[in-house]
Amino acid sequence: MGRSPDQELDILVGKLPEGWSRARMDGQTWGVTRTTRAGGRVISITAERLGDSEQLGANVWITAEGPVLRPCEVPEESVMKFLRTAVTERSA
């Protein structure tokens, strides 16, 4: 049985460290910032490709029904692709 999208989002966000870190996607290095607010009920994720102007961002609302992804001016699938890659290809 596969994971639901909510379960996958919860797992991916849980693996992303608080604060700033580096990640790689498609051979490019990205700076990623995770900031937790509102007593852990809102997680903001921003990422920018280093040496470039490409960015993405999203908020994850933690609700009683599970996490809810709210991308900022990018498609939801772009954020999910980034998270899937970032948590497996983080670098120091």
C-alpha atoms as a PDB file:
ATOM      1  CA  MET A   1       0.000   0.000   0.000  1.00  0.00           C
ATOM      2  CA  GLY A   2       1.400   3.427  -0.959  1.00  0.00           C
ATOM      3  CA  ARG A   3       1.572   6.531   1.159  1.00  0.00           C
ATOM      4  CA  SER A   4      -1.059   9.214   0.902  1.00  0.00           C
ATOM      5  CA  PRO A   5       0.127  12.630  -0.323  1.00  0.00           C
ATOM      6  CA  ASP A   6      -0.361  13.986   3.218  1.00  0.00           C
ATOM      7  CA  GLN A   7       1.813  11.240   4.700  1.00  0.00           C
ATOM      8  CA  GLU A   8       4.529  11.824   2.119  1.00  0.00           C
ATOM      9  CA  LEU A   9       4.494  15.588   2.771  1.00  0.00           C
ATOM     10  CA  ASP A  10       4.700  15.004   6.528  1.00  0.00           C
ATOM     11  CA  ILE A  11       7.678  12.654   6.116  1.00  0.00           C
ATOM     12  CA  LEU A  12       9.532  14.944   3.698  1.00  0.00           C
ATOM     13  CA  VAL A  13       9.062  18.075   5.796  1.00  0.00           C
ATOM     14  CA  GLY A  14      10.106  16.132   8.891  1.00  0.00           C
ATOM     15  CA  LYS A  15      13.420  15.235   7.236  1.00  0.00           C
ATOM     16  CA  LEU A  16      14.224  18.815   6.250  1.00  0.00           C
ATOM     17  CA  PRO A  17      16.370  20.411   8.981  1.00  0.00           C
ATOM     18  CA  GLU A  18      15.335  23.613  10.726  1.00  0.00           C
ATOM     19  CA  GLY A  19      17.298  26.662   9.543  1.00  0.00           C
ATOM     20  CA  TRP A  20      19.490  26.885   6.449  1.00  0.00           C
ATOM     21  CA  SER A  21      21.007  23.932   4.614  1.00  0.00           C
ATOM     22  CA  ARG A  22      22.206  22.966   1.140  1.00  0.00           C
ATOM     23  CA  ALA A  23      20.518  20.537  -1.221  1.00  0.00           C
ATOM     24  CA  ARG A  24      21.156  19.352  -4.765  1.00  0.00           C
ATOM     25  CA  MET A  25      18.586  18.994  -7.498  1.00  0.00           C
ATOM     26  CA  ASP A  26      19.284  18.189 -11.129  1.00  0.00           C
ATOM     27  CA  GLY A  27      23.009  18.767 -10.571  1.00  0.00           C
ATOM     28  CA  GLN A  28      22.463  22.257  -9.099  1.00  0.00           C
ATOM     29  CA  THR A  29      23.115  23.389  -5.526  1.00  0.00           C
ATOM     30  CA  TRP A  30      20.260  25.076  -3.675  1.00  0.00           C
ATOM     31  CA  GLY A  31      20.104  26.918  -0.355  1.00  0.00           C
ATOM     32  CA  VAL A  32      17.057  25.794   1.640  1.00  0.00           C
ATOM     33  CA  THR A  33      15.580  27.458   4.715  1.00  0.00           C
ATOM     34  CA  ARG A  34      13.002  25.795   6.945  1.00  0.00           C
ATOM     35  CA  THR A  35      11.357  28.018   9.563  1.00  0.00           C
ATOM     36  CA  THR A  36       8.793  26.689  12.027  1.00  0.00           C
ATOM     37  CA  ARG A  37       6.254  29.159  13.444  1.00  0.00           C
ATOM     38  CA  ALA A  38       3.010  29.346  15.400  1.00  0.00           C
ATOM     39  CA  GLY A  39       4.003  26.717  17.930  1.00  0.00           C
ATOM     40  CA  GLY A  40       4.864  24.208  15.201  1.00  0.00           C
ATOM     41  CA  ARG A  41       1.618  24.653  13.263  1.00  0.00           C
ATOM     42  CA  VAL A  42       3.162  26.459  10.257  1.00  0.00           C
ATOM     43  CA  ILE A  43       6.379  25.523   8.476  1.00  0.00           C
ATOM     44  CA  SER A  44       7.795  27.879   5.842  1.00  0.00           C
ATOM     45  CA  ILE A  45      10.179  26.504   3.249  1.00  0.00           C
ATOM     46  CA  THR A  46      12.136  28.719   0.892  1.00  0.00           C
ATOM     47  CA  ALA A  47      14.771  27.593  -1.573  1.00  0.00           C
ATOM     48  CA  GLU A  48      16.981  29.379  -4.046  1.00  0.00           C
ATOM     49  CA  ARG A  49      19.355  27.973  -6.603  1.00  0.00           C
ATOM     50  CA  LEU A  50      22.796  29.243  -5.653  1.00  0.00           C
ATOM     51  CA  GLY A  51      24.397  31.437  -8.304  1.00  0.00           C
ATOM     52  CA  ASP A  52      21.041  31.961 -10.011  1.00  0.00           C
ATOM     53  CA  SER A  53      17.746  33.710  -9.390  1.00  0.00           C
ATOM     54  CA  GLU A  54      15.467  30.647  -9.437  1.00  0.00           C
ATOM     55  CA  GLN A  55      13.461  30.331  -6.229  1.00  0.00           C
ATOM     56  CA  LEU A  56      10.558  28.439  -4.774  1.00  0.00           C
ATOM     57  CA  GLY A  57       8.659  28.642  -1.548  1.00  0.00           C
ATOM     58  CA  ALA A  58       5.784  27.101   0.315  1.00  0.00           C
ATOM     59  CA  ASN A  59       4.033  27.026   3.634  1.00  0.00           C
ATOM     60  CA  VAL A  60       2.916  23.803   5.253  1.00  0.00           C
ATOM     61  CA  TRP A  61       0.008  24.132   7.647  1.00  0.00           C
ATOM     62  CA  ILE A  62      -0.188  21.388  10.248  1.00  0.00           C
ATOM     63  CA  THR A  63      -3.896  20.715  10.839  1.00  0.00           C
ATOM     64  CA  ALA A  64      -5.846  18.089  12.755  1.00  0.00           C
ATOM     65  CA  GLU A  65      -6.490  16.365   9.409  1.00  0.00           C
ATOM     66  CA  GLY A  66      -2.801  16.378   8.463  1.00  0.00           C
ATOM     67  CA  PRO A  67      -0.352  18.694   6.715  1.00  0.00           C
ATOM     68  CA  VAL A  68      -1.610  21.039   3.993  1.00  0.00           C
ATOM     69  CA  LEU A  69       0.804  22.327   1.361  1.00  0.00           C
ATOM     70  CA  ARG A  70       0.375  25.933   0.195  1.00  0.00           C
ATOM     71  CA  PRO A  71       2.959  26.702  -2.516  1.00  0.00           C
ATOM     72  CA  CYS A  72       3.960  30.300  -3.208  1.00  0.00           C
ATOM     73  CA  GLU A  73       3.636  31.119  -6.914  1.00  0.00           C
ATOM     74  CA  VAL A  74       4.854  27.692  -8.090  1.00  0.00           C
ATOM     75  CA  PRO A  75       2.945  24.490  -8.821  1.00  0.00           C
ATOM     76  CA  GLU A  76       2.481  22.078  -5.910  1.00  0.00           C
ATOM     77  CA  GLU A  77       4.248  19.319  -7.860  1.00  0.00           C
ATOM     78  CA  SER A  78       7.351  21.533  -8.226  1.00  0.00           C
ATOM     79  CA  VAL A  79       7.557  21.874  -4.446  1.00  0.00           C
ATOM     80  CA  MET A  80       7.015  18.142  -3.917  1.00  0.00           C
ATOM     81  CA  LYS A  81       9.696  17.259  -6.499  1.00  0.00           C
ATOM     82  CA  PHE A  82      12.102  19.609  -4.784  1.00  0.00           C
ATOM     83  CA  LEU A  83      11.352  18.171  -1.329  1.00  0.00           C
ATOM     84  CA  ARG A  84      11.722  14.584  -2.555  1.00  0.00           C
ATOM     85  CA  THR A  85      15.146  15.413  -3.954  1.00  0.00           C
ATOM     86  CA  ALA A  86      16.322  17.800  -1.217  1.00  0.00           C
ATOM     87  CA  VAL A  87      15.856  15.353   1.636  1.00  0.00           C
ATOM     88  CA  THR A  88      17.766  12.596  -0.149  1.00  0.00           C
ATOM     89  CA  GLU A  89      20.541  14.757  -1.661  1.00  0.00           C
ATOM     90  CA  ARG A  90      21.370  17.202   1.117  1.00  0.00           C
ATOM     91  CA  SER A  91      24.978  18.312   1.322  1.00  0.00           C
ATOM     92  CA  ALA A  92      27.023  19.952   4.048  1.00  0.00           C
END
